Every structure is written in C-alpha cells, then in structure tokens.
C-alpha cells in the first residue's frame, strides 16, 4: 500500500511519518483504545478528546464509519 502523509492535526495522534492507510487506521484505533474513547454503551461511537476533536472537525462524538471519512481529509 502506498504511504499517506498525515497533516498536522492527525500527526498529533498517529505521528508525522508517512504510513500506509492500514497502519494509520491501526494507530488511530490504538490511540482510541489506550485513551478509552470508544463509547461504553454504543461501541460504534467514538468520543473525541481534544486531539481527535481537531481531526473530527470539532465534533465531540462520531461513528466509526464517519471517522474514516473525516480522517481521509487529513492525509495527502
């Protein structure tokens, strides 16, 4: 897979080195699990902390499907 370059907002979560999209997604989920950001009642929802809020366009809560779409806007 071709590596993608995370922008400044996404770099604060996954690092600044170019990564294949699969590795980027894995690092994003590692961050979410490490910080307990997956909603306890509705496991499809992600609760954003301050770092993820900038990636999610200011939204406090997004679905895991919407998260994929929002993250795509932060890579080149």
PDB file of N, CA and C in Angstrom:
ATOM      1  N   UNK A   1       0.829  -1.205   0.000  1.00  0.00           N
ATOM      2  CA  UNK A   1       0.000   0.000   0.000  1.00  0.00           C
ATOM      3  C   UNK A   1       0.858   1.246   0.000  1.00  0.00           C
ATOM      4  N   UNK A   2       0.418   2.234  -0.755  1.00  0.00           N
ATOM      5  CA  UNK A   2       1.152   3.487  -0.853  1.00  0.00           C
ATOM      6  C   UNK A   2       1.004   4.284   0.451  1.00  0.00           C
ATOM      7  N   UNK A   3       2.115   4.765   1.015  1.00  0.00           N
ATOM      8  CA  UNK A   3       2.022   5.563   2.249  1.00  0.00           C
ATOM      9  C   UNK A   3       1.308   6.893   2.016  1.00  0.00           C
ATOM     10  N   UNK A   4       0.585   7.342   3.024  1.00  0.00           N
ATOM     11  CA  UNK A   4      -0.064   8.653   3.001  1.00  0.00           C
ATOM     12  C   UNK A   4       0.580   9.510   4.085  1.00  0.00           C
ATOM     13  N   UNK A   5       0.576  10.818   3.880  1.00  0.00           N
ATOM     14  CA  UNK A   5       1.193  11.756   4.815  1.00  0.00           C
ATOM     15  C   UNK A   5       0.119  12.400   5.685  1.00  0.00           C
ATOM     16  N   UNK A   6       0.127  12.144   7.010  1.00  0.00           N
ATOM     17  CA  UNK A   6      -0.845  12.799   7.900  1.00  0.00           C
ATOM     18  C   UNK A   6      -0.547  14.298   8.002  1.00  0.00           C
ATOM     19  N   UNK A   7      -1.603  15.127   8.090  1.00  0.00           N
ATOM     20  CA  UNK A   7      -1.388  16.557   8.283  1.00  0.00           C
ATOM     21  C   UNK A   7      -1.084  16.839   9.756  1.00  0.00           C
ATOM     22  N   UNK A   8      -0.922  18.104  10.112  1.00  0.00           N
ATOM     23  CA  UNK A   8      -0.519  18.482  11.470  1.00  0.00           C
ATOM     24  C   UNK A   8      -1.518  18.010  12.531  1.00  0.00           C
ATOM     25  N   UNK A   9      -2.822  18.100  12.233  1.00  0.00           N
ATOM     26  CA  UNK A   9      -3.841  17.688  13.214  1.00  0.00           C
ATOM     27  C   UNK A   9      -3.773  16.191  13.477  1.00  0.00           C
ATOM     28  N   UNK A  10      -3.695  15.410  12.423  1.00  0.00           N
ATOM     29  CA  UNK A  10      -3.667  13.955  12.553  1.00  0.00           C
ATOM     30  C   UNK A  10      -2.322  13.472  13.108  1.00  0.00           C
ATOM     31  N   UNK A  11      -1.256  14.211  12.832  1.00  0.00           N
ATOM     32  CA  UNK A  11       0.079  13.844  13.329  1.00  0.00           C
ATOM     33  C   UNK A  11       0.139  13.792  14.846  1.00  0.00           C
ATOM     34  N   UNK A  12      -0.655  14.617  15.512  1.00  0.00           N
ATOM     35  CA  UNK A  12      -0.645  14.623  16.979  1.00  0.00           C
ATOM     36  C   UNK A  12      -1.186  13.314  17.547  1.00  0.00           C
ATOM     37  N   UNK A  13      -1.896  12.546  16.721  1.00  0.00           N
ATOM     38  CA  UNK A  13      -2.469  11.276  17.159  1.00  0.00           C
ATOM     39  C   UNK A  13      -1.649  10.081  16.655  1.00  0.00           C
ATOM     40  N   UNK A  14      -1.256  10.088  15.379  1.00  0.00           N
ATOM     41  CA  UNK A  14      -0.601   8.907  14.776  1.00  0.00           C
ATOM     42  C   UNK A  14       0.878   9.097  14.458  1.00  0.00           C
ATOM     43  N   UNK A  15       1.412  10.290  14.672  1.00  0.00           N
ATOM     44  CA  UNK A  15       2.803  10.555  14.327  1.00  0.00           C
ATOM     45  C   UNK A  15       2.902  11.224  12.966  1.00  0.00           C
ATOM     46  N   UNK A  16       4.068  11.777  12.665  1.00  0.00           N
ATOM     47  CA  UNK A  16       4.202  12.596  11.459  1.00  0.00           C
ATOM     48  C   UNK A  16       4.803  11.868  10.262  1.00  0.00           C
ATOM     49  N   UNK A  17       5.214  10.608  10.435  1.00  0.00           N
ATOM     50  CA  UNK A  17       5.814   9.870   9.322  1.00  0.00           C
ATOM     51  C   UNK A  17       4.736   9.360   8.362  1.00  0.00           C
ATOM     52  N   UNK A  18       5.059   9.293   7.061  1.00  0.00           N
ATOM     53  CA  UNK A  18       4.109   8.709   6.102  1.00  0.00           C
ATOM     54  C   UNK A  18       3.844   7.233   6.446  1.00  0.00           C
ATOM     55  N   UNK A  19       2.578   6.834   6.385  1.00  0.00           N
ATOM     56  CA  UNK A  19       2.160   5.471   6.732  1.00  0.00           C
ATOM     57  C   UNK A  19       1.196   4.941   5.688  1.00  0.00           C
ATOM     58  N   UNK A  20       1.191   3.620   5.478  1.00  0.00           N
ATOM     59  CA  UNK A  20       0.104   3.052   4.667  1.00  0.00           C
ATOM     60  C   UNK A  20      -1.222   3.286   5.407  1.00  0.00           C
ATOM     61  N   UNK A  21      -2.279   3.422   4.670  1.00  0.00           N
ATOM     62  CA  UNK A  21      -3.589   3.705   5.282  1.00  0.00           C
ATOM     63  C   UNK A  21      -3.978   2.652   6.335  1.00  0.00           C
ATOM     64  N   UNK A  22      -3.616   1.402   6.093  1.00  0.00           N
ATOM     65  CA  UNK A  22      -3.943   0.339   7.056  1.00  0.00           C
ATOM     66  C   UNK A  22      -3.238   0.569   8.388  1.00  0.00           C
ATOM     67  N   UNK A  23      -1.966   0.963   8.331  1.00  0.00           N
ATOM     68  CA  UNK A  23      -1.189   1.227   9.553  1.00  0.00           C
ATOM     69  C   UNK A  23      -1.717   2.470  10.264  1.00  0.00           C
ATOM     70  N   UNK A  24      -2.121   3.479   9.485  1.00  0.00           N
ATOM     71  CA  UNK A  24      -2.679   4.697  10.059  1.00  0.00           C
ATOM     72  C   UNK A  24      -3.952   4.366  10.841  1.00  0.00           C
ATOM     73  N   UNK A  25      -4.815   3.543  10.262  1.00  0.00           N
ATOM     74  CA  UNK A  25      -6.054   3.140  10.928  1.00  0.00           C
ATOM     75  C   UNK A  25      -5.752   2.355  12.204  1.00  0.00           C
ATOM     76  N   UNK A  26      -4.759   1.471  12.149  1.00  0.00           N
ATOM     77  CA  UNK A  26      -4.370   0.686  13.314  1.00  0.00           C
ATOM     78  C   UNK A  26      -3.880   1.600  14.436  1.00  0.00           C
ATOM     79  N   UNK A  27      -3.046   2.603  14.107  1.00  0.00           N
ATOM     80  CA  UNK A  27      -2.532   3.535  15.121  1.00  0.00           C
ATOM     81  C   UNK A  27      -3.663   4.380  15.704  1.00  0.00           C
ATOM     82  N   UNK A  28      -4.604   4.763  14.864  1.00  0.00           N
ATOM     83  CA  UNK A  28      -5.744   5.544  15.328  1.00  0.00           C
ATOM     84  C   UNK A  28      -6.564   4.736  16.337  1.00  0.00           C
ATOM     85  N   UNK A  29      -6.818   3.460  16.025  1.00  0.00           N
ATOM     86  CA  UNK A  29      -7.570   2.603  16.954  1.00  0.00           C
ATOM     87  C   UNK A  29      -6.777   2.330  18.239  1.00  0.00           C
ATOM     88  N   UNK A  30      -5.465   2.183  18.136  1.00  0.00           N
ATOM     89  CA  UNK A  30      -4.632   2.017  19.332  1.00  0.00           C
ATOM     90  C   UNK A  30      -4.792   3.223  20.253  1.00  0.00           C
ATOM     91  N   UNK A  31      -4.785   4.419  19.662  1.00  0.00           N
ATOM     92  CA  UNK A  31      -4.951   5.661  20.419  1.00  0.00           C
ATOM     93  C   UNK A  31      -6.332   5.701  21.087  1.00  0.00           C
ATOM     94  N   UNK A  32      -7.365   5.344  20.333  1.00  0.00           N
ATOM     95  CA  UNK A  32      -8.737   5.366  20.864  1.00  0.00           C
ATOM     96  C   UNK A  32      -8.869   4.396  22.037  1.00  0.00           C
ATOM     97  N   UNK A  33      -8.335   3.193  21.888  1.00  0.00           N
ATOM     98  CA  UNK A  33      -8.431   2.186  22.952  1.00  0.00           C
ATOM     99  C   UNK A  33      -7.588   2.562  24.169  1.00  0.00           C
ATOM    100  N   UNK A  34      -6.367   3.066  23.921  1.00  0.00           N
ATOM    101  CA  UNK A  34      -5.474   3.449  25.016  1.00  0.00           C
ATOM    102  C   UNK A  34      -6.097   4.537  25.890  1.00  0.00           C
ATOM    103  N   UNK A  35      -6.825   5.458  25.255  1.00  0.00           N
ATOM    104  CA  UNK A  35      -7.426   6.580  25.977  1.00  0.00           C
ATOM    105  C   UNK A  35      -8.896   6.346  26.346  1.00  0.00           C
ATOM    106  N   UNK A  36      -9.415   5.151  26.095  1.00  0.00           N
ATOM    107  CA  UNK A  36     -10.795   4.817  26.463  1.00  0.00           C
ATOM    108  C   UNK A  36     -11.829   5.700  25.794  1.00  0.00           C
ATOM    109  N   UNK A  37     -11.663   5.972  24.510  1.00  0.00           N
ATOM    110  CA  UNK A  37     -12.552   6.900  23.815  1.00  0.00           C
ATOM    111  C   UNK A  37     -13.724   6.233  23.105  1.00  0.00           C
ATOM    112  N   UNK A  38     -13.755   4.905  23.084  1.00  0.00           N
ATOM    113  CA  UNK A  38     -14.892   4.217  22.469  1.00  0.00           C
ATOM    114  C   UNK A  38     -16.049   4.262  23.464  1.00  0.00           C
ATOM    115  N   UNK A  39     -17.218   4.676  22.996  1.00  0.00           N
ATOM    116  CA  UNK A  39     -18.383   4.809  23.873  1.00  0.00           C
ATOM    117  C   UNK A  39     -18.709   3.472  24.536  1.00  0.00           C
ATOM    118  N   UNK A  40     -18.967   3.496  25.836  1.00  0.00           N
ATOM    119  CA  UNK A  40     -19.218   2.256  26.596  1.00  0.00           C
ATOM    120  C   UNK A  40     -20.552   1.612  26.230  1.00  0.00           C
ATOM    121  N   UNK A  41     -21.589   2.421  25.955  1.00  0.00           N
ATOM    122  CA  UNK A  41     -22.913   1.884  25.641  1.00  0.00           C
ATOM    123  C   UNK A  41     -23.060   1.559  24.161  1.00  0.00           C
ATOM    124  N   UNK A  42     -22.654   2.493  23.300  1.00  0.00           N
ATOM    125  CA  UNK A  42     -22.769   2.305  21.851  1.00  0.00           C
ATOM    126  C   UNK A  42     -21.355   2.188  21.283  1.00  0.00           C
ATOM    127  N   UNK A  43     -20.885   0.961  21.109  1.00  0.00           N
ATOM    128  CA  UNK A  43     -19.496   0.696  20.734  1.00  0.00           C
ATOM    129  C   UNK A  43     -19.121   1.212  19.348  1.00  0.00           C
ATOM    130  N   UNK A  44     -20.127   1.594  18.535  1.00  0.00           N
ATOM    131  CA  UNK A  44     -19.853   2.144  17.199  1.00  0.00           C
ATOM    132  C   UNK A  44     -19.442   3.612  17.268  1.00  0.00           C
ATOM    133  N   UNK A  45     -19.639   4.240  18.413  1.00  0.00           N
ATOM    134  CA  UNK A  45     -19.369   5.673  18.547  1.00  0.00           C
ATOM    135  C   UNK A  45     -18.019   5.923  19.218  1.00  0.00           C
ATOM    136  N   UNK A  46     -17.347   6.977  18.755  1.00  0.00           N
ATOM    137  CA  UNK A  46     -16.058   7.387  19.300  1.00  0.00           C
ATOM    138  C   UNK A  46     -16.241   8.758  19.941  1.00  0.00           C
ATOM    139  N   UNK A  47     -15.859   8.877  21.221  1.00  0.00           N
ATOM    140  CA  UNK A  47     -15.897  10.152  21.925  1.00  0.00           C
ATOM    141  C   UNK A  47     -14.550  10.843  21.720  1.00  0.00           C
ATOM    142  N   UNK A  48     -14.572  12.046  21.176  1.00  0.00           N
ATOM    143  CA  UNK A  48     -13.329  12.740  20.843  1.00  0.00           C
ATOM    144  C   UNK A  48     -12.730  13.445  22.055  1.00  0.00           C
ATOM    145  N   UNK A  49     -11.402  13.312  22.223  1.00  0.00           N
ATOM    146  CA  UNK A  49     -10.688  14.144  23.173  1.00  0.00           C
ATOM    147  C   UNK A  49     -10.224  15.379  22.398  1.00  0.00           C
ATOM    148  N   UNK A  50      -9.429  16.250  23.017  1.00  0.00           N
ATOM    149  CA  UNK A  50      -9.046  17.496  22.339  1.00  0.00           C
ATOM    150  C   UNK A  50      -8.256  17.241  21.052  1.00  0.00           C
ATOM    151  N   UNK A  51      -7.384  16.223  21.031  1.00  0.00           N
ATOM    152  CA  UNK A  51      -6.601  15.930  19.825  1.00  0.00           C
ATOM    153  C   UNK A  51      -7.495  15.416  18.698  1.00  0.00           C
ATOM    154  N   UNK A  52      -8.445  14.543  19.021  1.00  0.00           N
ATOM    155  CA  UNK A  52      -9.319  13.995  17.981  1.00  0.00           C
ATOM    156  C   UNK A  52     -10.386  14.999  17.523  1.00  0.00           C
ATOM    157  N   UNK A  53     -10.754  15.933  18.403  1.00  0.00           N
ATOM    158  CA  UNK A  53     -11.752  16.930  18.020  1.00  0.00           C
ATOM    159  C   UNK A  53     -11.287  17.735  16.810  1.00  0.00           C
ATOM    160  N   UNK A  54      -9.989  18.054  16.748  1.00  0.00           N
ATOM    161  CA  UNK A  54      -9.483  18.812  15.603  1.00  0.00           C
ATOM    162  C   UNK A  54      -9.537  17.961  14.336  1.00  0.00           C
ATOM    163  N   UNK A  55      -9.303  16.663  14.475  1.00  0.00           N
ATOM    164  CA  UNK A  55      -9.376  15.747  13.327  1.00  0.00           C
ATOM    165  C   UNK A  55     -10.834  15.575  12.888  1.00  0.00           C
ATOM    166  N   UNK A  56     -11.762  15.556  13.845  1.00  0.00           N
ATOM    167  CA  UNK A  56     -13.183  15.328  13.568  1.00  0.00           C
ATOM    168  C   UNK A  56     -13.943  16.614  13.252  1.00  0.00           C
ATOM    169  N   UNK A  57     -13.241  17.688  12.985  1.00  0.00           N
ATOM    170  CA  UNK A  57     -13.906  18.945  12.624  1.00  0.00           C
ATOM    171  C   UNK A  57     -14.690  19.563  13.755  1.00  0.00           C
ATOM    172  N   UNK A  58     -14.232  19.380  14.985  1.00  0.00           N
ATOM    173  CA  UNK A  58     -14.883  19.975  16.148  1.00  0.00           C
ATOM    174  C   UNK A  58     -15.998  19.140  16.748  1.00  0.00           C
ATOM    175  N   UNK A  59     -16.316  18.013  16.144  1.00  0.00           N
ATOM    176  CA  UNK A  59     -17.389  17.160  16.670  1.00  0.00           C
ATOM    177  C   UNK A  59     -16.913  16.420  17.916  1.00  0.00           C
ATOM    178  N   UNK A  60     -17.786  16.312  18.912  1.00  0.00           N
ATOM    179  CA  UNK A  60     -17.436  15.637  20.160  1.00  0.00           C
ATOM    180  C   UNK A  60     -17.624  14.127  20.078  1.00  0.00           C
ATOM    181  N   UNK A  61     -18.485  13.677  19.150  1.00  0.00           N
ATOM    182  CA  UNK A  61     -18.785  12.254  19.029  1.00  0.00           C
ATOM    183  C   UNK A  61     -19.063  11.932  17.571  1.00  0.00           C
ATOM    184  N   UNK A  62     -18.404  10.884  17.059  1.00  0.00           N
ATOM    185  CA  UNK A  62     -18.646  10.451  15.674  1.00  0.00           C
ATOM    186  C   UNK A  62     -18.752   8.934  15.639  1.00  0.00           C
ATOM    187  N   UNK A  63     -19.410   8.416  14.601  1.00  0.00           N
ATOM    188  CA  UNK A  63     -19.467   6.959  14.431  1.00  0.00           C
ATOM    189  C   UNK A  63     -18.149   6.502  13.821  1.00  0.00           C
ATOM    190  N   UNK A  64     -17.833   5.222  13.960  1.00  0.00           N
ATOM    191  CA  UNK A  64     -16.569   4.731  13.396  1.00  0.00           C
ATOM    192  C   UNK A  64     -16.556   4.835  11.875  1.00  0.00           C
ATOM    193  N   UNK A  65     -17.727   4.823  11.253  1.00  0.00           N
ATOM    194  CA  UNK A  65     -17.810   4.957   9.801  1.00  0.00           C
ATOM    195  C   UNK A  65     -17.546   6.406   9.379  1.00  0.00           C
ATOM    196  N   UNK A  66     -18.108   7.335  10.125  1.00  0.00           N
ATOM    197  CA  UNK A  66     -17.881   8.758   9.856  1.00  0.00           C
ATOM    198  C   UNK A  66     -16.418   9.115  10.134  1.00  0.00           C
ATOM    199  N   UNK A  67     -15.822   8.483  11.139  1.00  0.00           N
ATOM    200  CA  UNK A  67     -14.422   8.727  11.490  1.00  0.00           C
ATOM    201  C   UNK A  67     -13.512   8.456  10.289  1.00  0.00           C
ATOM    202  N   UNK A  68     -13.739   7.372   9.584  1.00  0.00           N
ATOM    203  CA  UNK A  68     -12.933   7.014   8.412  1.00  0.00           C
ATOM    204  C   UNK A  68     -12.996   8.119   7.362  1.00  0.00           C
ATOM    205  N   UNK A  69     -14.192   8.646   7.128  1.00  0.00           N
ATOM    206  CA  UNK A  69     -14.376   9.712   6.147  1.00  0.00           C
ATOM    207  C   UNK A  69     -13.666  10.990   6.594  1.00  0.00           C
ATOM    208  N   UNK A  70     -13.775  11.332   7.865  1.00  0.00           N
ATOM    209  CA  UNK A  70     -13.156  12.556   8.373  1.00  0.00           C
ATOM    210  C   UNK A  70     -11.633  12.467   8.352  1.00  0.00           C
ATOM    211  N   UNK A  71     -11.090  11.300   8.674  1.00  0.00           N
ATOM    212  CA  UNK A  71      -9.636  11.101   8.673  1.00  0.00           C
ATOM    213  C   UNK A  71      -9.082  11.233   7.257  1.00  0.00           C
ATOM    214  N   UNK A  72      -9.833  10.800   6.257  1.00  0.00           N
ATOM    215  CA  UNK A  72      -9.388  10.903   4.858  1.00  0.00           C
ATOM    216  C   UNK A  72      -9.077  12.335   4.452  1.00  0.00           C
ATOM    217  N   UNK A  73      -9.739  13.288   5.074  1.00  0.00           N
ATOM    218  CA  UNK A  73      -9.497  14.700   4.770  1.00  0.00           C
ATOM    219  C   UNK A  73      -8.198  15.228   5.379  1.00  0.00           C
ATOM    220  N   UNK A  74      -7.543  14.423   6.190  1.00  0.00           N
ATOM    221  CA  UNK A  74      -6.320  14.855   6.875  1.00  0.00           C
ATOM    222  C   UNK A  74      -5.068  14.139   6.380  1.00  0.00           C
ATOM    223  N   UNK A  75      -5.150  13.483   5.228  1.00  0.00           N
ATOM    224  CA  UNK A  75      -3.979  12.820   4.652  1.00  0.00           C
ATOM    225  C   UNK A  75      -3.775  13.285   3.208  1.00  0.00           C
ATOM    226  N   UNK A  76      -2.546  13.213   2.769  1.00  0.00           N
ATOM    227  CA  UNK A  76      -2.268  13.572   1.374  1.00  0.00           C
ATOM    228  C   UNK A  76      -1.340  12.541   0.760  1.00  0.00           C
TER     229      UNK A  76
END
